[in-house]
Amino acid sequence: MKKSNIVLTGFMGVGKTEVGRRLAELLEMKFIDTDTAVESAVGMKIPDIFQKYGEERFRCEEAAVIRKAALCSNCVIATGGGVVLNPENMRALREKGMIILLSAQPSVIADRVMKTAKRPLLQGDDLNERIRNLLSERRPLLPGL
């Protein structure tokens, strides 16, 4: 089966949304940002979802959005950074999509996320250490891409 979607994945702050928007425009494809879709579905910003309901609820909402986005054709899909935590998310996206992993150095990620909205998973004293730890935890989930 021909893959009709381009799926951008990678850690938060690597540029999935920005690259996805530009790629979709260049290729004249529909653009889906799964974080934005989760916010629309819940009616709250992601930090507020985490604060009010916790990460588990966010991941459930994210999985529902992923299942729907995976059915799309001719789309560029920018996923949330933690989408790789759920093997079903990746299986669904892989069915019709070519998965592309975007990456950046931890220091670059830190610079980028400090300039944007609050990131619930990066709360703590040492931002660079937290990023390195999360990257290490997720690295084993990435080789199958």
N, C-alpha and C. Protein backbone atom coordinates (compact mmCIF):
# COMPACT_ATOMS: atom_id res chain seq x y z
N MET A 1 0.84 -1.19 0.00
CA MET A 1 0.00 0.00 0.00
C MET A 1 0.88 1.25 0.00
N LYS A 2 0.55 2.19 -0.83
CA LYS A 2 1.28 3.44 -0.90
C LYS A 2 0.99 4.27 0.35
N LYS A 3 2.04 4.85 0.91
CA LYS A 3 1.89 5.71 2.08
C LYS A 3 1.46 7.10 1.60
N SER A 4 0.34 7.58 2.12
CA SER A 4 -0.17 8.86 1.63
C SER A 4 0.06 10.01 2.60
N ASN A 5 0.49 9.70 3.82
CA ASN A 5 0.71 10.74 4.81
C ASN A 5 2.18 10.87 5.15
N ILE A 6 2.56 12.05 5.59
CA ILE A 6 3.90 12.29 6.13
C ILE A 6 3.69 12.60 7.60
N VAL A 7 4.32 11.81 8.47
CA VAL A 7 4.14 11.95 9.91
C VAL A 7 5.45 12.41 10.52
N LEU A 8 5.42 13.58 11.15
CA LEU A 8 6.60 14.12 11.80
C LEU A 8 6.53 13.83 13.29
N THR A 9 7.56 13.19 13.80
CA THR A 9 7.62 12.88 15.21
C THR A 9 8.98 13.31 15.74
N GLY A 10 9.09 13.37 17.05
CA GLY A 10 10.33 13.79 17.69
C GLY A 10 10.00 14.46 19.01
N PHE A 11 11.02 14.78 19.76
CA PHE A 11 10.86 15.39 21.07
C PHE A 11 10.24 16.78 20.95
N MET A 12 9.62 17.25 22.02
CA MET A 12 9.06 18.60 22.01
C MET A 12 10.15 19.62 21.68
N GLY A 13 9.78 20.62 20.93
CA GLY A 13 10.71 21.70 20.62
C GLY A 13 11.65 21.44 19.46
N VAL A 14 11.50 20.32 18.75
CA VAL A 14 12.41 20.06 17.62
C VAL A 14 11.92 20.70 16.32
N GLY A 15 10.70 21.21 16.31
CA GLY A 15 10.21 21.93 15.13
C GLY A 15 9.18 21.20 14.30
N LYS A 16 8.51 20.20 14.88
CA LYS A 16 7.54 19.40 14.12
C LYS A 16 6.42 20.26 13.53
N THR A 17 5.88 21.15 14.32
CA THR A 17 4.76 21.98 13.86
C THR A 17 5.21 22.94 12.76
N GLU A 18 6.31 23.61 12.98
CA GLU A 18 6.80 24.58 11.99
C GLU A 18 7.17 23.88 10.68
N VAL A 19 7.93 22.80 10.77
CA VAL A 19 8.32 22.05 9.58
C VAL A 19 7.07 21.48 8.89
N GLY A 20 6.15 20.95 9.69
CA GLY A 20 4.93 20.37 9.14
C GLY A 20 4.09 21.36 8.37
N ARG A 21 3.93 22.54 8.94
CA ARG A 21 3.15 23.59 8.26
C ARG A 21 3.77 23.94 6.90
N ARG A 22 5.07 24.15 6.93
CA ARG A 22 5.76 24.53 5.69
C ARG A 22 5.72 23.40 4.66
N LEU A 23 5.94 22.18 5.12
CA LEU A 23 5.92 21.03 4.22
C LEU A 23 4.54 20.85 3.59
N ALA A 24 3.51 20.96 4.40
CA ALA A 24 2.14 20.82 3.89
C ALA A 24 1.83 21.89 2.84
N GLU A 25 2.28 23.09 3.10
CA GLU A 25 2.06 24.17 2.14
C GLU A 25 2.80 23.89 0.83
N LEU A 26 4.05 23.50 0.93
CA LEU A 26 4.85 23.22 -0.27
C LEU A 26 4.29 22.07 -1.09
N LEU A 27 3.81 21.04 -0.40
CA LEU A 27 3.32 19.84 -1.08
C LEU A 27 1.82 19.88 -1.35
N GLU A 28 1.18 20.99 -0.95
CA GLU A 28 -0.26 21.17 -1.11
C GLU A 28 -1.03 20.01 -0.46
N MET A 29 -0.67 19.75 0.78
CA MET A 29 -1.32 18.71 1.57
C MET A 29 -2.00 19.36 2.77
N LYS A 30 -2.95 18.66 3.35
CA LYS A 30 -3.61 19.14 4.56
C LYS A 30 -2.62 19.00 5.73
N PHE A 31 -2.67 19.94 6.67
CA PHE A 31 -1.79 19.89 7.84
C PHE A 31 -2.61 19.61 9.09
N ILE A 32 -2.14 18.65 9.89
CA ILE A 32 -2.78 18.32 11.17
C ILE A 32 -1.71 18.40 12.25
N ASP A 33 -1.95 19.20 13.26
CA ASP A 33 -1.09 19.25 14.44
C ASP A 33 -1.86 18.55 15.56
N THR A 34 -1.37 17.42 16.03
CA THR A 34 -2.15 16.64 16.99
C THR A 34 -2.28 17.33 18.34
N ASP A 35 -1.30 18.12 18.75
CA ASP A 35 -1.44 18.86 20.01
C ASP A 35 -2.58 19.87 19.91
N THR A 36 -2.66 20.58 18.79
CA THR A 36 -3.75 21.54 18.58
C THR A 36 -5.09 20.82 18.54
N ALA A 37 -5.12 19.64 17.91
CA ALA A 37 -6.36 18.86 17.84
C ALA A 37 -6.80 18.39 19.22
N VAL A 38 -5.86 18.01 20.07
CA VAL A 38 -6.21 17.62 21.45
C VAL A 38 -6.79 18.82 22.19
N GLU A 39 -6.16 19.97 22.05
CA GLU A 39 -6.66 21.17 22.71
C GLU A 39 -8.08 21.50 22.25
N SER A 40 -8.34 21.36 20.96
CA SER A 40 -9.69 21.61 20.43
C SER A 40 -10.70 20.61 20.97
N ALA A 41 -10.30 19.34 21.02
CA ALA A 41 -11.21 18.29 21.50
C ALA A 41 -11.58 18.48 22.96
N VAL A 42 -10.62 18.88 23.77
CA VAL A 42 -10.85 19.02 25.22
C VAL A 42 -11.35 20.42 25.57
N GLY A 43 -11.01 21.39 24.73
CA GLY A 43 -11.41 22.77 25.01
C GLY A 43 -10.50 23.44 26.02
N MET A 44 -9.26 22.95 26.11
CA MET A 44 -8.29 23.50 27.06
C MET A 44 -6.90 23.42 26.43
N LYS A 45 -6.00 24.29 26.89
CA LYS A 45 -4.60 24.22 26.49
C LYS A 45 -3.96 23.01 27.18
N ILE A 46 -2.91 22.47 26.56
CA ILE A 46 -2.27 21.27 27.09
C ILE A 46 -1.79 21.43 28.54
N PRO A 47 -1.12 22.52 28.91
CA PRO A 47 -0.72 22.64 30.32
C PRO A 47 -1.91 22.58 31.29
N ASP A 48 -3.05 23.12 30.86
CA ASP A 48 -4.25 23.08 31.70
C ASP A 48 -4.82 21.67 31.79
N ILE A 49 -4.75 20.91 30.70
CA ILE A 49 -5.20 19.51 30.72
C ILE A 49 -4.36 18.73 31.72
N PHE A 50 -3.04 18.89 31.65
CA PHE A 50 -2.14 18.21 32.58
C PHE A 50 -2.46 18.60 34.02
N GLN A 51 -2.65 19.89 34.25
CA GLN A 51 -2.88 20.37 35.61
C GLN A 51 -4.20 19.87 36.17
N LYS A 52 -5.25 19.91 35.36
CA LYS A 52 -6.58 19.54 35.85
C LYS A 52 -6.81 18.03 35.86
N TYR A 53 -6.35 17.33 34.81
CA TYR A 53 -6.67 15.91 34.65
C TYR A 53 -5.48 14.97 34.72
N GLY A 54 -4.27 15.49 34.53
CA GLY A 54 -3.08 14.65 34.58
C GLY A 54 -2.65 14.14 33.21
N GLU A 55 -1.45 13.57 33.19
CA GLU A 55 -0.88 13.09 31.93
C GLU A 55 -1.67 11.93 31.34
N GLU A 56 -2.20 11.05 32.19
CA GLU A 56 -2.93 9.88 31.68
C GLU A 56 -4.12 10.30 30.82
N ARG A 57 -4.88 11.27 31.28
CA ARG A 57 -6.02 11.76 30.51
C ARG A 57 -5.56 12.39 29.20
N PHE A 58 -4.47 13.17 29.29
CA PHE A 58 -3.94 13.78 28.08
C PHE A 58 -3.57 12.71 27.06
N ARG A 59 -2.89 11.65 27.51
CA ARG A 59 -2.46 10.58 26.60
C ARG A 59 -3.66 9.86 25.98
N CYS A 60 -4.74 9.71 26.73
CA CYS A 60 -5.97 9.10 26.18
C CYS A 60 -6.56 9.99 25.08
N GLU A 61 -6.64 11.27 25.34
CA GLU A 61 -7.15 12.22 24.34
C GLU A 61 -6.24 12.23 23.11
N GLU A 62 -4.93 12.20 23.35
CA GLU A 62 -3.97 12.19 22.26
C GLU A 62 -4.15 10.95 21.39
N ALA A 63 -4.34 9.79 22.02
CA ALA A 63 -4.53 8.53 21.28
C ALA A 63 -5.78 8.60 20.39
N ALA A 64 -6.84 9.20 20.91
CA ALA A 64 -8.07 9.34 20.11
C ALA A 64 -7.82 10.24 18.89
N VAL A 65 -7.10 11.32 19.10
CA VAL A 65 -6.77 12.23 17.99
C VAL A 65 -5.87 11.53 16.97
N ILE A 66 -4.92 10.75 17.45
CA ILE A 66 -4.01 10.02 16.56
C ILE A 66 -4.79 9.03 15.70
N ARG A 67 -5.70 8.29 16.32
CA ARG A 67 -6.49 7.31 15.55
C ARG A 67 -7.24 8.00 14.42
N LYS A 68 -7.82 9.16 14.70
CA LYS A 68 -8.56 9.90 13.69
C LYS A 68 -7.62 10.46 12.61
N ALA A 69 -6.51 11.05 13.03
CA ALA A 69 -5.56 11.64 12.08
C ALA A 69 -4.96 10.57 11.17
N ALA A 70 -4.75 9.38 11.72
CA ALA A 70 -4.14 8.29 10.95
C ALA A 70 -5.02 7.84 9.79
N LEU A 71 -6.31 8.11 9.86
CA LEU A 71 -7.23 7.74 8.79
C LEU A 71 -7.21 8.73 7.63
N CYS A 72 -6.63 9.87 7.86
CA CYS A 72 -6.55 10.92 6.85
C CYS A 72 -5.72 10.45 5.66
N SER A 73 -5.95 11.05 4.53
CA SER A 73 -5.12 10.80 3.34
C SER A 73 -4.56 12.12 2.85
N ASN A 74 -3.34 12.06 2.33
CA ASN A 74 -2.69 13.25 1.79
C ASN A 74 -2.51 14.34 2.84
N CYS A 75 -2.02 13.92 4.02
CA CYS A 75 -1.84 14.85 5.13
C CYS A 75 -0.41 14.85 5.64
N VAL A 76 0.00 16.00 6.14
CA VAL A 76 1.22 16.09 6.94
C VAL A 76 0.74 16.18 8.38
N ILE A 77 1.20 15.24 9.20
CA ILE A 77 0.76 15.16 10.59
C ILE A 77 1.94 15.44 11.51
N ALA A 78 1.84 16.50 12.30
CA ALA A 78 2.85 16.81 13.31
C ALA A 78 2.34 16.28 14.64
N THR A 79 3.06 15.34 15.21
CA THR A 79 2.61 14.70 16.44
C THR A 79 3.17 15.41 17.67
N GLY A 80 2.57 15.12 18.81
CA GLY A 80 3.12 15.57 20.07
C GLY A 80 4.39 14.79 20.37
N GLY A 81 5.24 15.35 21.20
CA GLY A 81 6.52 14.72 21.51
C GLY A 81 6.41 13.35 22.16
N GLY A 82 5.33 13.10 22.88
CA GLY A 82 5.19 11.83 23.59
C GLY A 82 4.40 10.78 22.85
N VAL A 83 4.08 11.01 21.60
CA VAL A 83 3.26 10.06 20.83
C VAL A 83 3.91 8.69 20.78
N VAL A 84 5.24 8.64 20.84
CA VAL A 84 5.96 7.35 20.77
C VAL A 84 5.76 6.50 22.01
N LEU A 85 5.23 7.07 23.07
CA LEU A 85 5.04 6.32 24.31
C LEU A 85 3.96 5.25 24.17
N ASN A 86 3.09 5.39 23.19
CA ASN A 86 2.01 4.44 22.96
C ASN A 86 2.25 3.71 21.64
N PRO A 87 2.60 2.41 21.70
CA PRO A 87 2.86 1.67 20.46
C PRO A 87 1.68 1.67 19.49
N GLU A 88 0.46 1.73 20.00
CA GLU A 88 -0.72 1.77 19.13
C GLU A 88 -0.76 3.06 18.31
N ASN A 89 -0.31 4.16 18.91
CA ASN A 89 -0.23 5.42 18.16
C ASN A 89 0.66 5.25 16.95
N MET A 90 1.83 4.67 17.17
CA MET A 90 2.80 4.53 16.09
C MET A 90 2.32 3.53 15.04
N ARG A 91 1.69 2.46 15.48
CA ARG A 91 1.16 1.47 14.54
C ARG A 91 0.13 2.12 13.62
N ALA A 92 -0.79 2.89 14.22
CA ALA A 92 -1.85 3.54 13.44
C ALA A 92 -1.25 4.54 12.44
N LEU A 93 -0.30 5.33 12.89
CA LEU A 93 0.31 6.33 12.01
C LEU A 93 1.13 5.69 10.90
N ARG A 94 1.77 4.57 11.19
CA ARG A 94 2.63 3.88 10.23
C ARG A 94 1.82 3.24 9.09
N GLU A 95 0.55 2.90 9.36
CA GLU A 95 -0.27 2.22 8.35
C GLU A 95 -0.36 2.99 7.04
N LYS A 96 -0.63 4.29 7.13
CA LYS A 96 -0.77 5.10 5.92
C LYS A 96 0.27 6.21 5.84
N GLY A 97 1.20 6.19 6.79
CA GLY A 97 2.14 7.30 6.84
C GLY A 97 3.60 6.90 6.83
N MET A 98 4.39 7.77 6.24
CA MET A 98 5.84 7.64 6.31
C MET A 98 6.28 8.44 7.54
N ILE A 99 6.91 7.76 8.49
CA ILE A 99 7.31 8.40 9.75
C ILE A 99 8.68 9.05 9.57
N ILE A 100 8.77 10.31 9.94
CA ILE A 100 10.04 11.04 9.89
C ILE A 100 10.33 11.55 11.29
N LEU A 101 11.51 11.21 11.80
CA LEU A 101 11.94 11.63 13.13
C LEU A 101 12.77 12.89 13.01
N LEU A 102 12.30 13.96 13.65
CA LEU A 102 13.08 15.20 13.72
C LEU A 102 13.80 15.21 15.06
N SER A 103 15.01 15.74 15.08
CA SER A 103 15.76 15.77 16.34
C SER A 103 16.54 17.07 16.44
N ALA A 104 17.00 17.34 17.65
CA ALA A 104 17.83 18.51 17.93
C ALA A 104 18.63 18.21 19.19
N GLN A 105 19.70 18.93 19.37
CA GLN A 105 20.51 18.79 20.57
C GLN A 105 19.70 19.26 21.79
N PRO A 106 19.92 18.64 22.96
CA PRO A 106 19.19 19.06 24.17
C PRO A 106 19.30 20.56 24.45
N SER A 107 20.46 21.16 24.20
CA SER A 107 20.61 22.59 24.46
C SER A 107 19.74 23.43 23.52
N VAL A 108 19.58 22.98 22.28
CA VAL A 108 18.72 23.68 21.32
C VAL A 108 17.26 23.54 21.75
N ILE A 109 16.88 22.33 22.16
CA ILE A 109 15.52 22.10 22.65
C ILE A 109 15.24 23.01 23.84
N ALA A 110 16.18 23.08 24.78
CA ALA A 110 16.00 23.93 25.97
C ALA A 110 15.79 25.38 25.58
N ASP A 111 16.61 25.88 24.66
CA ASP A 111 16.45 27.27 24.20
C ASP A 111 15.07 27.51 23.60
N ARG A 112 14.61 26.56 22.80
CA ARG A 112 13.31 26.73 22.14
C ARG A 112 12.15 26.65 23.12
N VAL A 113 12.16 25.67 24.01
CA VAL A 113 11.00 25.51 24.90
C VAL A 113 10.93 26.60 25.96
N MET A 114 12.06 27.22 26.28
CA MET A 114 12.03 28.32 27.25
C MET A 114 11.31 29.53 26.67
N LYS A 115 11.27 29.63 25.34
CA LYS A 115 10.65 30.77 24.67
C LYS A 115 9.16 30.57 24.41
N THR A 116 8.67 29.36 24.66
CA THR A 116 7.28 29.06 24.35
C THR A 116 6.48 28.82 25.62
N ALA A 117 5.27 28.37 25.42
CA ALA A 117 4.35 28.14 26.54
C ALA A 117 4.91 27.12 27.52
N LYS A 118 4.32 27.10 28.68
CA LYS A 118 4.69 26.17 29.74
C LYS A 118 4.61 24.74 29.25
N ARG A 119 5.63 23.96 29.53
CA ARG A 119 5.67 22.54 29.14
C ARG A 119 5.56 21.70 30.41
N PRO A 120 4.43 21.05 30.62
CA PRO A 120 4.21 20.31 31.88
C PRO A 120 5.27 19.27 32.20
N LEU A 121 5.80 18.60 31.20
CA LEU A 121 6.78 17.54 31.46
C LEU A 121 8.18 18.07 31.73
N LEU A 122 8.38 19.37 31.59
CA LEU A 122 9.70 19.94 31.81
C LEU A 122 9.79 20.78 33.08
N GLN A 123 8.85 20.58 33.98
CA GLN A 123 8.88 21.32 35.22
C GLN A 123 9.98 20.75 36.11
N GLY A 124 10.67 21.61 36.81
CA GLY A 124 11.75 21.18 37.70
C GLY A 124 12.88 22.19 37.67
N ASP A 125 13.91 21.90 38.43
CA ASP A 125 15.00 22.85 38.59
C ASP A 125 15.94 22.93 37.39
N ASP A 126 16.35 21.80 36.85
CA ASP A 126 17.36 21.79 35.79
C ASP A 126 16.73 21.35 34.47
N LEU A 127 16.40 22.32 33.65
CA LEU A 127 15.73 22.06 32.38
C LEU A 127 16.55 21.14 31.47
N ASN A 128 17.84 21.43 31.34
CA ASN A 128 18.70 20.61 30.47
C ASN A 128 18.75 19.16 30.94
N GLU A 129 18.84 18.96 32.24
CA GLU A 129 18.88 17.60 32.78
C GLU A 129 17.56 16.88 32.54
N ARG A 130 16.46 17.58 32.73
CA ARG A 130 15.13 16.99 32.51
C ARG A 130 14.97 16.58 31.04
N ILE A 131 15.42 17.42 30.13
CA ILE A 131 15.35 17.09 28.70
C ILE A 131 16.20 15.86 28.40
N ARG A 132 17.44 15.84 28.91
CA ARG A 132 18.31 14.68 28.67
C ARG A 132 17.68 13.40 29.21
N ASN A 133 17.07 13.47 30.40
CA ASN A 133 16.43 12.29 31.00
C ASN A 133 15.26 11.79 30.15
N LEU A 134 14.41 12.71 29.71
CA LEU A 134 13.26 12.31 28.89
C LEU A 134 13.72 11.74 27.54
N LEU A 135 14.74 12.34 26.96
CA LEU A 135 15.27 11.82 25.70
C LEU A 135 15.82 10.40 25.89
N SER A 136 16.51 10.18 27.00
CA SER A 136 17.05 8.84 27.30
C SER A 136 15.94 7.82 27.49
N GLU A 137 14.86 8.23 28.17
CA GLU A 137 13.73 7.32 28.39
C GLU A 137 13.05 6.95 27.07
N ARG A 138 12.98 7.89 26.15
CA ARG A 138 12.25 7.66 24.90
C ARG A 138 13.11 7.05 23.80
N ARG A 139 14.41 7.16 23.91
CA ARG A 139 15.31 6.66 22.86
C ARG A 139 15.03 5.20 22.48
N PRO A 140 14.79 4.29 23.45
CA PRO A 140 14.51 2.90 23.07
C PRO A 140 13.24 2.73 22.23
N LEU A 141 12.35 3.70 22.29
CA LEU A 141 11.10 3.61 21.54
C LEU A 141 11.26 4.07 20.09
N LEU A 142 12.37 4.67 19.77
CA LEU A 142 12.55 5.28 18.46
C LEU A 142 13.16 4.39 17.37
N PRO A 143 13.99 3.38 17.67
CA PRO A 143 14.64 2.64 16.58
C PRO A 143 13.69 2.01 15.58
N GLY A 144 12.48 1.64 16.01
CA GLY A 144 11.53 1.01 15.10
C GLY A 144 10.92 1.95 14.09
N LEU A 145 11.25 3.23 14.15
CA LEU A 145 10.68 4.17 13.20
C LEU A 145 11.23 3.89 11.83
